[in-house]
N, C-alpha and C. Protein backbone atom coordinates (compact mmCIF):
# COMPACT_ATOMS: atom_id res chain seq x y z
N MET A 1 9.77 -1.27 -13.20
CA MET A 1 9.85 -1.76 -11.84
C MET A 1 9.99 -3.28 -11.86
N ASP A 2 10.84 -3.78 -11.03
CA ASP A 2 11.14 -5.20 -10.97
C ASP A 2 9.98 -5.97 -10.32
N LYS A 3 9.37 -6.85 -11.09
CA LYS A 3 8.22 -7.64 -10.59
C LYS A 3 8.62 -8.50 -9.40
N PHE A 4 9.85 -8.97 -9.41
CA PHE A 4 10.31 -9.79 -8.28
C PHE A 4 10.26 -8.99 -6.98
N GLN A 5 10.68 -7.74 -7.01
CA GLN A 5 10.67 -6.90 -5.82
C GLN A 5 9.24 -6.66 -5.33
N ILE A 6 8.32 -6.52 -6.26
CA ILE A 6 6.92 -6.32 -5.89
C ILE A 6 6.37 -7.57 -5.21
N VAL A 7 6.62 -8.73 -5.81
CA VAL A 7 6.14 -9.98 -5.23
C VAL A 7 6.78 -10.21 -3.87
N LYS A 8 8.06 -9.92 -3.76
CA LYS A 8 8.76 -10.06 -2.49
C LYS A 8 8.13 -9.16 -1.42
N LEU A 9 7.84 -7.92 -1.78
CA LEU A 9 7.22 -6.98 -0.84
C LEU A 9 5.85 -7.48 -0.41
N LEU A 10 5.07 -7.95 -1.35
CA LEU A 10 3.71 -8.39 -1.04
C LEU A 10 3.64 -9.79 -0.43
N SER A 11 4.77 -10.46 -0.34
CA SER A 11 4.77 -11.78 0.29
C SER A 11 4.61 -11.68 1.80
N ASP A 12 4.83 -10.50 2.34
CA ASP A 12 4.56 -10.27 3.77
C ASP A 12 3.05 -10.13 3.93
N GLU A 13 2.47 -10.91 4.83
CA GLU A 13 1.01 -10.95 5.00
C GLU A 13 0.42 -9.58 5.33
N THR A 14 1.07 -8.85 6.21
CA THR A 14 0.56 -7.53 6.60
C THR A 14 0.60 -6.56 5.43
N ARG A 15 1.71 -6.54 4.70
CA ARG A 15 1.80 -5.65 3.55
C ARG A 15 0.78 -6.02 2.47
N PHE A 16 0.56 -7.32 2.29
CA PHE A 16 -0.45 -7.76 1.33
C PHE A 16 -1.83 -7.24 1.75
N LYS A 17 -2.15 -7.35 3.02
CA LYS A 17 -3.45 -6.87 3.52
C LYS A 17 -3.57 -5.35 3.34
N ILE A 18 -2.50 -4.63 3.62
CA ILE A 18 -2.52 -3.17 3.44
C ILE A 18 -2.76 -2.85 1.96
N PHE A 19 -2.04 -3.52 1.09
CA PHE A 19 -2.19 -3.30 -0.35
C PHE A 19 -3.62 -3.56 -0.80
N MET A 20 -4.21 -4.64 -0.34
CA MET A 20 -5.57 -4.98 -0.72
C MET A 20 -6.57 -3.94 -0.20
N LYS A 21 -6.33 -3.42 1.00
CA LYS A 21 -7.21 -2.37 1.54
C LYS A 21 -7.07 -1.09 0.74
N LEU A 22 -5.87 -0.77 0.31
CA LEU A 22 -5.69 0.42 -0.53
C LEU A 22 -6.40 0.26 -1.88
N LEU A 23 -6.39 -0.95 -2.41
CA LEU A 23 -7.15 -1.20 -3.64
C LEU A 23 -8.64 -1.04 -3.40
N GLU A 24 -9.10 -1.54 -2.28
CA GLU A 24 -10.52 -1.51 -1.94
C GLU A 24 -11.03 -0.09 -1.67
N TYR A 25 -10.27 0.69 -0.90
CA TYR A 25 -10.73 2.00 -0.46
C TYR A 25 -10.16 3.17 -1.28
N ASP A 26 -9.23 2.91 -2.16
CA ASP A 26 -8.59 3.93 -2.99
C ASP A 26 -7.61 4.81 -2.22
N GLU A 27 -7.98 5.30 -1.04
CA GLU A 27 -7.12 6.20 -0.28
C GLU A 27 -7.38 6.01 1.21
N LEU A 28 -6.29 5.83 1.97
CA LEU A 28 -6.40 5.63 3.42
C LEU A 28 -5.24 6.33 4.13
N CYS A 29 -5.50 6.75 5.36
CA CYS A 29 -4.41 7.25 6.20
C CYS A 29 -3.96 6.10 7.11
N VAL A 30 -2.84 6.29 7.76
CA VAL A 30 -2.29 5.26 8.63
C VAL A 30 -3.30 4.88 9.72
N CYS A 31 -3.98 5.86 10.28
CA CYS A 31 -4.94 5.57 11.36
C CYS A 31 -6.09 4.69 10.85
N GLU A 32 -6.51 4.88 9.62
CA GLU A 32 -7.57 4.05 9.06
C GLU A 32 -7.07 2.63 8.80
N ILE A 33 -5.85 2.50 8.32
CA ILE A 33 -5.26 1.18 8.10
C ILE A 33 -5.13 0.45 9.43
N GLU A 34 -4.67 1.18 10.44
CA GLU A 34 -4.57 0.61 11.79
C GLU A 34 -5.90 0.00 12.23
N GLU A 35 -6.95 0.78 12.07
CA GLU A 35 -8.27 0.36 12.52
C GLU A 35 -8.79 -0.82 11.70
N LEU A 36 -8.62 -0.77 10.41
CA LEU A 36 -9.11 -1.84 9.54
C LEU A 36 -8.40 -3.17 9.79
N LEU A 37 -7.10 -3.11 10.05
CA LEU A 37 -6.31 -4.34 10.17
C LEU A 37 -5.89 -4.69 11.58
N GLY A 38 -6.13 -3.77 12.52
CA GLY A 38 -5.77 -4.05 13.91
C GLY A 38 -4.27 -4.13 14.14
N ILE A 39 -3.51 -3.28 13.46
CA ILE A 39 -2.06 -3.24 13.66
C ILE A 39 -1.66 -1.87 14.22
N LYS A 40 -0.49 -1.83 14.81
CA LYS A 40 -0.03 -0.59 15.45
C LYS A 40 0.46 0.43 14.44
N GLN A 41 0.37 1.68 14.84
CA GLN A 41 0.75 2.81 13.98
C GLN A 41 2.20 2.70 13.52
N ALA A 42 3.09 2.38 14.43
CA ALA A 42 4.51 2.29 14.08
C ALA A 42 4.75 1.22 13.02
N ASN A 43 4.10 0.08 13.17
CA ASN A 43 4.25 -1.00 12.18
C ASN A 43 3.66 -0.60 10.84
N THR A 44 2.51 0.04 10.88
CA THR A 44 1.86 0.49 9.65
C THR A 44 2.77 1.46 8.90
N SER A 45 3.34 2.41 9.62
CA SER A 45 4.23 3.39 9.01
C SER A 45 5.45 2.74 8.38
N LYS A 46 6.01 1.74 9.02
CA LYS A 46 7.17 1.02 8.47
C LYS A 46 6.81 0.32 7.16
N HIS A 47 5.64 -0.29 7.15
CA HIS A 47 5.19 -0.96 5.93
C HIS A 47 4.95 0.05 4.81
N MET A 48 4.36 1.20 5.13
CA MET A 48 4.10 2.22 4.13
C MET A 48 5.40 2.74 3.53
N ARG A 49 6.43 2.84 4.34
CA ARG A 49 7.75 3.28 3.86
C ARG A 49 8.27 2.32 2.79
N LYS A 50 8.06 1.02 3.00
CA LYS A 50 8.53 0.03 2.02
C LYS A 50 7.79 0.18 0.69
N PHE A 51 6.49 0.45 0.76
CA PHE A 51 5.73 0.71 -0.47
C PHE A 51 6.26 1.95 -1.18
N LYS A 52 6.54 2.99 -0.40
CA LYS A 52 7.05 4.24 -0.99
C LYS A 52 8.43 4.02 -1.61
N ASP A 53 9.25 3.21 -0.96
CA ASP A 53 10.59 2.94 -1.47
C ASP A 53 10.54 2.28 -2.86
N LEU A 54 9.52 1.48 -3.10
CA LEU A 54 9.36 0.84 -4.42
C LEU A 54 8.51 1.68 -5.36
N ASN A 55 8.15 2.88 -4.93
CA ASN A 55 7.39 3.82 -5.75
C ASN A 55 6.02 3.27 -6.15
N MET A 56 5.39 2.52 -5.22
CA MET A 56 4.09 1.92 -5.48
C MET A 56 2.94 2.82 -5.02
N ILE A 57 3.19 3.67 -4.06
CA ILE A 57 2.11 4.50 -3.51
C ILE A 57 2.48 5.97 -3.56
N SER A 58 1.46 6.77 -3.50
CA SER A 58 1.66 8.21 -3.39
C SER A 58 0.98 8.68 -2.12
N SER A 59 1.33 9.87 -1.71
CA SER A 59 0.74 10.40 -0.47
C SER A 59 0.39 11.86 -0.68
N ARG A 60 -0.60 12.31 0.07
CA ARG A 60 -0.96 13.73 0.07
C ARG A 60 -1.37 14.11 1.47
N ARG A 61 -0.99 15.31 1.84
CA ARG A 61 -1.26 15.81 3.18
C ARG A 61 -2.58 16.56 3.19
N ILE A 62 -3.39 16.24 4.19
CA ILE A 62 -4.64 16.96 4.46
C ILE A 62 -4.56 17.40 5.92
N LYS A 63 -4.24 18.67 6.12
CA LYS A 63 -4.00 19.23 7.45
C LYS A 63 -2.91 18.42 8.15
N ASN A 64 -3.24 17.69 9.21
CA ASN A 64 -2.21 16.95 9.94
C ASN A 64 -2.24 15.45 9.62
N MET A 65 -2.89 15.08 8.52
CA MET A 65 -3.04 13.68 8.16
C MET A 65 -2.45 13.45 6.76
N ILE A 66 -1.85 12.28 6.58
CA ILE A 66 -1.33 11.92 5.27
C ILE A 66 -2.16 10.76 4.74
N LYS A 67 -2.70 10.94 3.55
CA LYS A 67 -3.51 9.92 2.89
C LYS A 67 -2.64 9.23 1.84
N TYR A 68 -2.73 7.90 1.81
CA TYR A 68 -1.95 7.10 0.87
C TYR A 68 -2.86 6.46 -0.16
N SER A 69 -2.36 6.33 -1.36
CA SER A 69 -3.08 5.63 -2.41
C SER A 69 -2.06 4.94 -3.32
N ILE A 70 -2.55 3.93 -4.03
CA ILE A 70 -1.68 3.24 -4.98
C ILE A 70 -1.57 4.10 -6.23
N LYS A 71 -0.37 4.28 -6.72
CA LYS A 71 -0.14 5.12 -7.90
C LYS A 71 -0.83 4.52 -9.13
N GLU A 72 -1.45 5.39 -9.90
CA GLU A 72 -2.13 4.96 -11.13
C GLU A 72 -1.15 4.29 -12.09
N GLU A 73 0.04 4.85 -12.21
CA GLU A 73 1.02 4.26 -13.13
C GLU A 73 1.44 2.87 -12.67
N PHE A 74 1.49 2.67 -11.35
CA PHE A 74 1.81 1.33 -10.84
C PHE A 74 0.69 0.37 -11.21
N LEU A 75 -0.55 0.80 -11.02
CA LEU A 75 -1.70 -0.04 -11.37
C LEU A 75 -1.69 -0.38 -12.86
N ASP A 76 -1.45 0.61 -13.69
CA ASP A 76 -1.43 0.40 -15.13
C ASP A 76 -0.33 -0.58 -15.55
N ASP A 77 0.84 -0.42 -14.98
CA ASP A 77 1.99 -1.25 -15.33
C ASP A 77 1.91 -2.67 -14.79
N ASN A 78 1.09 -2.87 -13.76
CA ASN A 78 1.08 -4.17 -13.06
C ASN A 78 -0.31 -4.78 -12.95
N MET A 79 -1.20 -4.44 -13.86
CA MET A 79 -2.57 -4.91 -13.77
C MET A 79 -2.68 -6.43 -13.80
N ASP A 80 -1.87 -7.10 -14.60
CA ASP A 80 -1.91 -8.56 -14.64
C ASP A 80 -1.56 -9.16 -13.29
N LEU A 81 -0.55 -8.63 -12.67
CA LEU A 81 -0.14 -9.11 -11.34
C LEU A 81 -1.23 -8.84 -10.32
N ILE A 82 -1.82 -7.68 -10.36
CA ILE A 82 -2.87 -7.32 -9.41
C ILE A 82 -4.10 -8.22 -9.59
N LYS A 83 -4.49 -8.47 -10.82
CA LYS A 83 -5.62 -9.36 -11.08
C LYS A 83 -5.32 -10.76 -10.55
N TYR A 84 -4.10 -11.20 -10.71
CA TYR A 84 -3.70 -12.51 -10.19
C TYR A 84 -3.80 -12.56 -8.67
N LEU A 85 -3.40 -11.50 -8.01
CA LEU A 85 -3.44 -11.46 -6.55
C LEU A 85 -4.85 -11.42 -5.99
N MET A 86 -5.75 -10.86 -6.76
CA MET A 86 -7.13 -10.73 -6.29
C MET A 86 -7.83 -12.06 -6.45
C-alpha cells in the first residue's frame, strides 16, 4: 500500500479523528462515530468509503448495523506510521 495515499487520506482532520477513534475503540459503527465526533451520518459514511477504498478497514454486519475496524494487516504493515501519528 502506498504510504503517500495513506498520509493524504489522513491529512483530512475528520478522517484522522475517525482513524484515531477506531484505534482507540477497536470497532465502531457509523452511529457511534457520529456521536463521538459530532458529525453527520452521511459525512461519516463518505469518509468510511475512502478508508475502504484504500483497504484500511474491514466491516462486519450485526443485524442492521455495520461495525468497522482497522485491518490487522494494515496495522502490521504501517505500525511505524501509526506510532508517529499518535
